Amino acid sequence: MTVIAARKTKDAITFAADSILVAGYLKATDKEVIYNKLFQQNEMVIGSTGTGYEGTMMELFSRNHRPVDGHRLSVIDYFVEFREWIHKRDVGHSPENDYLIAYDKKLFRTYGGLDIYEVPEFEAVGAGEDFAKAALHLGHTPREAVEVACKLSIYCCEPISEITIGI
């Protein structure tokens, strides 16, 4: 119940995320509360959609773990290591969030596991991803793409946060 959009250009990778947090029938949109959807640390930018629990675990894991390099197989290995790491702390949890991750001047997308590919230009994940992808396809910025998703999807809400890294 979120949307995260990213665009890679020759100069930068820009991410934007909405701020909705859903628990049962409760919706919270306080930007100060939503801290683990989109974050930057350890030379990476990571956007996480799915459970807040897993997003928090990824934020904790990424503090002192990162891929060996920017190759796709290294990113897959990073997520394998994350699965092993989280399993040691919570045997019952099986990671299933979707992620956008920028590392080593590259942008990657995961699909609920180890199906990971490098994104050449733009991508979006989450409940509002179809709206955001259409906006990105039409040349809009990630912020504008997330704004579109927030207007059209009941599962996305402002305020919007952004992170841009130079490449």
Protein backbone atom coordinates (compact mmCIF):
# COMPACT_ATOMS: atom_id res chain seq x y z
CA MET A 1 0.00 0.00 0.00
CA THR A 2 2.42 2.56 -1.25
CA VAL A 3 4.24 3.78 -4.31
CA ILE A 4 7.91 4.40 -4.95
CA ALA A 5 9.16 5.70 -8.29
CA ALA A 6 12.69 6.15 -9.59
CA ARG A 7 14.32 7.51 -12.72
CA LYS A 8 17.91 7.09 -13.85
CA THR A 9 19.51 9.73 -16.06
CA LYS A 10 23.10 10.19 -17.16
CA ASP A 11 23.68 12.47 -14.15
CA ALA A 12 21.54 11.12 -11.30
CA ILE A 13 19.11 8.59 -9.91
CA THR A 14 16.05 10.19 -8.32
CA PHE A 15 13.58 8.41 -6.06
CA ALA A 16 10.21 9.59 -4.75
CA ALA A 17 7.87 7.85 -2.30
CA ASP A 18 4.48 8.52 -0.82
CA SER A 19 3.90 8.39 2.93
CA ILE A 20 0.93 6.13 3.54
CA LEU A 21 1.12 3.59 6.33
CA VAL A 22 -1.77 1.13 6.61
CA ALA A 23 -2.60 -1.09 9.58
CA GLY A 24 -5.93 -2.88 9.19
CA TYR A 25 -8.39 -0.09 8.46
CA LEU A 26 -6.14 2.65 9.86
CA LYS A 27 -4.29 4.98 7.50
CA ALA A 28 -1.46 7.17 8.77
CA THR A 29 0.24 9.73 6.55
CA ASP A 30 2.56 11.58 8.92
CA LYS A 31 5.86 11.94 7.05
CA GLU A 32 7.80 11.85 10.33
CA VAL A 33 6.40 8.39 11.09
CA ILE A 34 7.24 6.90 7.69
CA TYR A 35 10.98 6.38 7.86
CA ASN A 36 11.73 3.03 6.29
CA LYS A 37 10.02 3.26 2.87
CA LEU A 38 12.80 5.28 1.31
CA PHE A 39 16.21 5.73 2.88
CA GLN A 40 19.84 6.33 2.05
CA GLN A 41 22.76 4.72 3.83
CA ASN A 42 25.93 2.75 3.24
CA GLU A 43 26.28 4.09 -0.34
CA MET A 44 22.78 2.86 -1.29
CA VAL A 45 19.31 4.27 -1.71
CA ILE A 46 16.60 1.73 -0.96
CA GLY A 47 12.86 2.00 -1.48
CA SER A 48 10.77 -0.76 0.11
CA THR A 49 7.13 -1.68 -0.50
CA GLY A 50 5.25 -4.28 1.48
CA THR A 51 5.35 -4.64 5.23
CA GLY A 52 6.84 -1.96 7.43
CA TYR A 53 8.37 -4.72 9.52
CA GLU A 54 10.45 -6.02 6.63
CA GLY A 55 11.32 -2.49 5.52
CA THR A 56 12.64 -1.77 9.01
CA MET A 57 14.65 -4.99 8.97
CA MET A 58 16.13 -4.01 5.59
CA GLU A 59 17.00 -0.58 6.98
CA LEU A 60 18.76 -2.25 9.91
CA PHE A 61 20.54 -4.80 7.69
CA SER A 62 21.75 -2.22 5.19
CA ARG A 63 23.54 -0.20 7.88
CA ASN A 64 26.54 -2.51 7.63
CA HIS A 65 25.81 -4.72 4.59
CA ARG A 66 25.88 -3.88 0.89
CA PRO A 67 26.49 -5.67 -2.40
CA VAL A 68 30.11 -6.46 -3.29
CA ASP A 69 29.73 -4.43 -6.50
CA GLY A 70 27.04 -3.17 -8.85
CA HIS A 71 26.57 -6.36 -10.85
CA ARG A 72 23.13 -7.99 -10.86
CA LEU A 73 24.41 -11.23 -9.33
CA SER A 74 26.03 -9.27 -6.49
CA VAL A 75 22.69 -7.61 -5.76
CA ILE A 76 21.00 -11.02 -5.80
CA ASP A 77 23.66 -12.28 -3.37
CA TYR A 78 22.94 -9.25 -1.14
CA PHE A 79 19.28 -10.26 -0.96
CA VAL A 80 20.21 -13.90 -0.29
CA GLU A 81 22.35 -12.65 2.61
CA PHE A 82 19.42 -10.50 3.81
CA ARG A 83 17.15 -13.59 3.80
CA GLU A 84 19.69 -15.53 5.87
CA TRP A 85 20.20 -12.60 8.23
CA ILE A 86 16.47 -12.04 8.82
CA HIS A 87 15.87 -15.80 9.26
CA LYS A 88 18.37 -15.85 12.16
CA ARG A 89 16.35 -13.13 13.91
CA ASP A 90 12.84 -14.24 12.96
CA VAL A 91 12.55 -17.86 11.84
CA GLY A 92 8.91 -17.37 10.81
CA HIS A 93 9.49 -14.46 8.43
CA SER A 94 9.97 -15.01 4.72
CA PRO A 95 10.97 -11.78 2.92
CA GLU A 96 8.47 -10.76 0.27
CA ASN A 97 8.69 -6.97 -0.07
CA ASP A 98 9.49 -5.39 -3.42
CA TYR A 99 12.46 -3.02 -3.59
CA LEU A 100 14.06 -0.39 -5.73
CA ILE A 101 17.75 -0.10 -4.92
CA ALA A 102 20.42 2.22 -6.27
CA TYR A 103 24.00 1.13 -5.83
CA ASP A 104 27.22 1.69 -7.76
CA LYS A 105 25.51 4.09 -10.21
CA LYS A 106 22.89 1.46 -11.11
CA LEU A 107 19.21 1.02 -10.34
CA PHE A 108 17.68 -2.39 -9.60
CA ARG A 109 14.16 -3.73 -9.03
CA THR A 110 13.17 -6.83 -7.08
CA TYR A 111 9.95 -8.78 -7.42
CA GLY A 112 9.07 -10.30 -4.03
CA GLY A 113 12.17 -12.41 -3.81
CA LEU A 114 15.23 -13.01 -5.89
CA ASP A 115 13.80 -12.00 -9.27
CA ILE A 116 16.03 -8.95 -9.68
CA TYR A 117 16.89 -6.94 -12.75
CA GLU A 118 18.74 -3.74 -13.59
CA VAL A 119 16.47 -0.84 -14.53
CA PRO A 120 17.73 1.07 -17.57
CA GLU A 121 15.63 4.24 -17.24
CA PHE A 122 12.66 4.25 -14.83
CA GLU A 123 10.60 1.98 -12.58
CA ALA A 124 7.91 2.08 -9.92
CA VAL A 125 6.82 -0.39 -7.24
CA GLY A 126 3.86 -0.70 -4.92
CA ALA A 127 0.10 -0.43 -5.10
CA GLY A 128 0.29 2.72 -7.23
CA GLU A 129 3.01 1.45 -9.56
CA ASP A 130 0.86 1.27 -12.71
CA PHE A 131 -0.14 4.92 -12.39
CA ALA A 132 3.41 5.97 -11.58
CA LYS A 133 4.91 3.96 -14.46
CA ALA A 134 2.50 5.55 -16.92
CA ALA A 135 3.52 9.01 -15.68
CA LEU A 136 7.22 8.11 -15.86
CA HIS A 137 6.69 6.77 -19.39
CA LEU A 138 5.20 10.13 -20.35
CA GLY A 139 8.35 11.89 -19.11
CA HIS A 140 7.27 12.98 -15.65
CA THR A 141 9.68 13.13 -12.73
CA PRO A 142 9.46 10.55 -9.94
CA ARG A 143 7.81 13.19 -7.71
CA GLU A 144 5.19 13.91 -10.37
CA ALA A 145 4.67 10.17 -10.91
CA VAL A 146 4.03 9.65 -7.19
CA GLU A 147 1.66 12.66 -7.21
CA VAL A 148 -0.34 10.98 -9.99
CA ALA A 149 -0.48 7.71 -8.03
CA CYS A 150 -1.61 9.60 -4.92
CA LYS A 151 -4.45 11.20 -6.89
CA LEU A 152 -5.63 7.98 -8.53
CA SER A 153 -4.94 5.17 -6.03
CA ILE A 154 -6.72 4.84 -2.69
CA TYR A 155 -3.55 3.12 -1.41
CA CYS A 156 -1.19 6.08 -1.87
CA CYS A 157 -1.06 9.40 0.00
CA GLU A 158 1.06 12.51 0.23
CA PRO A 159 3.32 13.92 1.58
CA ILE A 160 6.05 12.82 -0.78
CA SER A 161 9.71 12.30 0.09
CA GLU A 162 12.58 12.40 -2.40
CA ILE A 163 16.20 11.33 -2.60
CA THR A 164 18.54 12.12 -5.48
CA ILE A 165 22.06 10.78 -5.86
CA GLY A 166 24.57 11.87 -8.46
CA ILE A 167 26.19 9.34 -10.77
